[in-house]
C-alpha atoms as a PDB file:
ATOM      1  CA  MET A   1      -3.507 -15.211  -0.183  1.00  0.00           C
ATOM      2  CA  LYS A   2      -2.979 -14.732  -3.903  1.00  0.00           C
ATOM      3  CA  VAL A   3       0.157 -14.937  -6.008  1.00  0.00           C
ATOM      4  CA  THR A   4       0.281 -11.660  -7.946  1.00  0.00           C
ATOM      5  CA  LYS A   5       3.543 -12.124  -9.832  1.00  0.00           C
ATOM      6  CA  GLN A   6       5.969 -14.963 -10.502  1.00  0.00           C
ATOM      7  CA  SER A   7       9.415 -14.795 -12.005  1.00  0.00           C
ATOM      8  CA  LEU A   8      11.710 -17.690 -12.862  1.00  0.00           C
ATOM      9  CA  HIS A   9      15.364 -17.156 -13.690  1.00  0.00           C
ATOM     10  CA  THR A  10      18.684 -18.990 -13.611  1.00  0.00           C
ATOM     11  CA  GLU A  11      21.664 -17.560 -11.758  1.00  0.00           C
ATOM     12  CA  LYS A  12      25.268 -17.732 -12.974  1.00  0.00           C
ATOM     13  CA  ASN A  13      26.055 -20.783 -10.856  1.00  0.00           C
ATOM     14  CA  GLY A  14      23.162 -22.740 -12.407  1.00  0.00           C
ATOM     15  CA  THR A  15      20.697 -22.337  -9.558  1.00  0.00           C
ATOM     16  CA  VAL A  16      17.094 -21.870 -10.654  1.00  0.00           C
ATOM     17  CA  VAL A  17      15.238 -19.238  -8.633  1.00  0.00           C
ATOM     18  CA  LEU A  18      11.457 -18.929  -8.455  1.00  0.00           C
ATOM     19  CA  ARG A  19      10.295 -15.664  -6.905  1.00  0.00           C
ATOM     20  CA  ASN A  20       6.651 -15.157  -5.937  1.00  0.00           C
ATOM     21  CA  LYS A  21       5.018 -11.871  -4.987  1.00  0.00           C
ATOM     22  CA  ILE A  22       1.909 -12.490  -2.942  1.00  0.00           C
ATOM     23  CA  ASP A  23      -1.081 -10.453  -1.818  1.00  0.00           C
ATOM     24  CA  CYS A  24      -1.949 -11.062   1.846  1.00  0.00           C
ATOM     25  CA  SER A  25      -4.544  -8.319   2.130  1.00  0.00           C
ATOM     26  CA  ASP A  26      -7.296 -10.757   3.204  1.00  0.00           C
ATOM     27  CA  GLU A  27      -5.300 -11.915   6.227  1.00  0.00           C
ATOM     28  CA  VAL A  28      -4.242  -8.373   7.132  1.00  0.00           C
ATOM     29  CA  ASN A  29      -7.877  -7.236   6.905  1.00  0.00           C
ATOM     30  CA  LYS A  30      -8.938 -10.138   9.140  1.00  0.00           C
ATOM     31  CA  VAL A  31      -6.401  -9.101  11.791  1.00  0.00           C
ATOM     32  CA  ARG A  32      -7.486  -5.455  11.507  1.00  0.00           C
ATOM     33  CA  GLU A  33     -11.127  -6.515  11.945  1.00  0.00           C
ATOM     34  CA  TYR A  34     -10.316  -8.484  15.112  1.00  0.00           C
ATOM     35  CA  ASN A  35      -8.328  -5.537  16.473  1.00  0.00           C
ATOM     36  CA  GLU A  36     -11.185  -3.110  15.882  1.00  0.00           C
ATOM     37  CA  THR A  37     -14.103  -5.264  17.026  1.00  0.00           C
ATOM     38  CA  THR A  38     -12.767  -7.407  19.870  1.00  0.00           C
ATOM     39  CA  ASN A  39      -9.395  -5.823  20.664  1.00  0.00           C
ATOM     40  CA  GLY A  40      -7.783  -9.242  20.124  1.00  0.00           C
ATOM     41  CA  TYR A  41      -9.829 -11.132  22.736  1.00  0.00           C
ATOM     42  CA  PHE A  42     -12.717 -13.583  22.633  1.00  0.00           C
ATOM     43  CA  GLY A  43     -14.862 -15.367  25.209  1.00  0.00           C
ATOM     44  CA  ASP A  44     -16.635 -14.107  28.303  1.00  0.00           C
ATOM     45  CA  LYS A  45     -15.045 -12.743  31.475  1.00  0.00           C
ATOM     46  CA  ASN A  46     -14.583 -16.216  32.990  1.00  0.00           C
ATOM     47  CA  GLY A  47     -12.997 -17.828  29.949  1.00  0.00           C
ATOM     48  CA  ARG A  48     -11.336 -14.935  28.170  1.00  0.00           C
ATOM     49  CA  CYS A  49      -8.718 -15.901  25.598  1.00  0.00           C
ATOM     50  CA  MET A  50      -6.457 -13.928  23.295  1.00  0.00           C
ATOM     51  CA  PHE A  51      -5.841 -14.271  19.574  1.00  0.00           C
ATOM     52  CA  MET A  52      -2.175 -14.484  18.650  1.00  0.00           C
ATOM     53  CA  GLY A  53      -2.607 -13.527  15.015  1.00  0.00           C
ATOM     54  CA  CYS A  54      -3.323 -14.787  11.535  1.00  0.00           C
ATOM     55  CA  ILE A  55      -0.816 -16.821   9.518  1.00  0.00           C
ATOM     56  CA  PRO A  56      -1.574 -17.424   5.838  1.00  0.00           C
ATOM     57  CA  PRO A  57      -1.510 -21.205   5.182  1.00  0.00           C
ATOM     58  CA  ALA A  58       1.135 -20.982   2.445  1.00  0.00           C
ATOM     59  CA  PHE A  59       3.574 -19.298   4.851  1.00  0.00           C
ATOM     60  CA  TRP A  60       3.984 -22.621   6.680  1.00  0.00           C
ATOM     61  CA  ASN A  61       5.745 -23.973   3.565  1.00  0.00           C
ATOM     62  CA  PHE A  62       8.451 -21.340   3.071  1.00  0.00           C
ATOM     63  CA  ASP A  63       8.955 -19.196   6.181  1.00  0.00           C
ATOM     64  CA  PRO A  64      11.959 -20.552   8.144  1.00  0.00           C
ATOM     65  CA  TRP A  65      10.499 -19.618  11.554  1.00  0.00           C
ATOM     66  CA  LEU A  66       7.253 -21.441  10.835  1.00  0.00           C
ATOM     67  CA  ILE A  67       9.026 -24.488   9.383  1.00  0.00           C
ATOM     68  CA  THR A  68      11.100 -24.877  12.552  1.00  0.00           C
ATOM     69  CA  ALA A  69       8.016 -24.171  14.690  1.00  0.00           C
ATOM     70  CA  ARG A  70       6.061 -26.948  13.001  1.00  0.00           C
ATOM     71  CA  ARG A  71       9.015 -29.333  13.351  1.00  0.00           C
ATOM     72  CA  ALA A  72       9.241 -28.519  17.074  1.00  0.00           C
ATOM     73  CA  GLN A  73       5.489 -29.029  17.485  1.00  0.00           C
ATOM     74  CA  LYS A  74       5.686 -32.474  15.870  1.00  0.00           C
ATOM     75  CA  GLU A  75       8.520 -33.370  18.250  1.00  0.00           C
ATOM     76  CA  GLY A  76       6.483 -32.146  21.237  1.00  0.00           C
ATOM     77  CA  ASP A  77       8.746 -29.184  22.044  1.00  0.00           C
ATOM     78  CA  MET A  78       6.119 -26.519  22.724  1.00  0.00           C
ATOM     79  CA  ARG A  79       8.673 -24.056  24.112  1.00  0.00           C
ATOM     80  CA  THR A  80      10.534 -23.894  20.796  1.00  0.00           C
ATOM     81  CA  TYR A  81       7.230 -23.905  18.892  1.00  0.00           C
ATOM     82  CA  LEU A  82       5.924 -20.824  20.717  1.00  0.00           C
ATOM     83  CA  ARG A  83       9.312 -19.073  20.620  1.00  0.00           C
ATOM     84  CA  ASN A  84       9.426 -19.440  16.822  1.00  0.00           C
ATOM     85  CA  LEU A  85       5.815 -18.274  16.470  1.00  0.00           C
ATOM     86  CA  LYS A  86       6.665 -15.185  18.525  1.00  0.00           C
ATOM     87  CA  LYS A  87       9.668 -14.541  16.293  1.00  0.00           C
ATOM     88  CA  PHE A  88       7.441 -14.825  13.198  1.00  0.00           C
ATOM     89  CA  PHE A  89       5.006 -12.265  14.630  1.00  0.00           C
ATOM     90  CA  ASP A  90       7.879  -9.970  15.633  1.00  0.00           C
ATOM     91  CA  LEU A  91       9.093  -9.968  12.029  1.00  0.00           C
ATOM     92  CA  HIS A  92       5.632  -9.808  10.398  1.00  0.00           C
ATOM     93  CA  GLN A  93       3.776  -7.229  12.478  1.00  0.00           C
ATOM     94  CA  ALA A  94       0.878  -6.995  10.004  1.00  0.00           C
ATOM     95  CA  PHE A  95      -0.331 -10.481  10.987  1.00  0.00           C
ATOM     96  CA  LYS A  96      -0.148  -9.846  14.740  1.00  0.00           C
ATOM     97  CA  VAL A  97      -3.134  -8.885  16.888  1.00  0.00           C
ATOM     98  CA  ASN A  98      -2.645  -5.762  19.036  1.00  0.00           C
ATOM     99  CA  HIS A  99      -2.281  -6.954  22.578  1.00  0.00           C
ATOM    100  CA  LYS A 100       0.821  -6.935  24.696  1.00  0.00           C
ATOM    101  CA  ARG A 101       1.018 -10.596  25.683  1.00  0.00           C
ATOM    102  CA  ILE A 102       1.127 -13.575  23.369  1.00  0.00           C
ATOM    103  CA  TYR A 103       2.294 -15.965  26.098  1.00  0.00           C
ATOM    104  CA  TRP A 104       0.481 -15.970  29.402  1.00  0.00           C
ATOM    105  CA  ARG A 105       0.803 -18.340  32.379  1.00  0.00           C
ATOM    106  CA  GLY A 106       2.282 -21.132  30.308  1.00  0.00           C
ATOM    107  CA  THR A 107      -0.497 -21.152  27.712  1.00  0.00           C
ATOM    108  CA  GLY A 108      -0.141 -19.780  24.214  1.00  0.00           C
ATOM    109  CA  ALA A 109      -2.743 -17.621  22.571  1.00  0.00           C
ATOM    110  CA  PHE A 110      -4.836 -18.941  19.700  1.00  0.00           C
ATOM    111  CA  LEU A 111      -4.100 -18.584  16.006  1.00  0.00           C
ATOM    112  CA  LEU A 112      -6.852 -17.495  13.637  1.00  0.00           C
END
């Protein structure tokens, strides 16, 4: 993930706003590669697992769904953690691997 453009400005109420435009083409290409080669799965027929998707590391610092997911994971609330990850992938379809289920028999799929 690369920052392509930054702008810093002050609003009328005195709030300073930093806006970053980022290039996530590497992560999107990684997800596309997994979709084309493995159809989102890995492992053999006895231990077949699914990839959930690819989240750029910097997204964990500013995306509200991922911030609350990480907080829930630290507290041990895996239900809220997985629900917020699903919400992130619903909003950011480019990072999601193309299979129908991301939650199966009580076990979450793996992140890249």
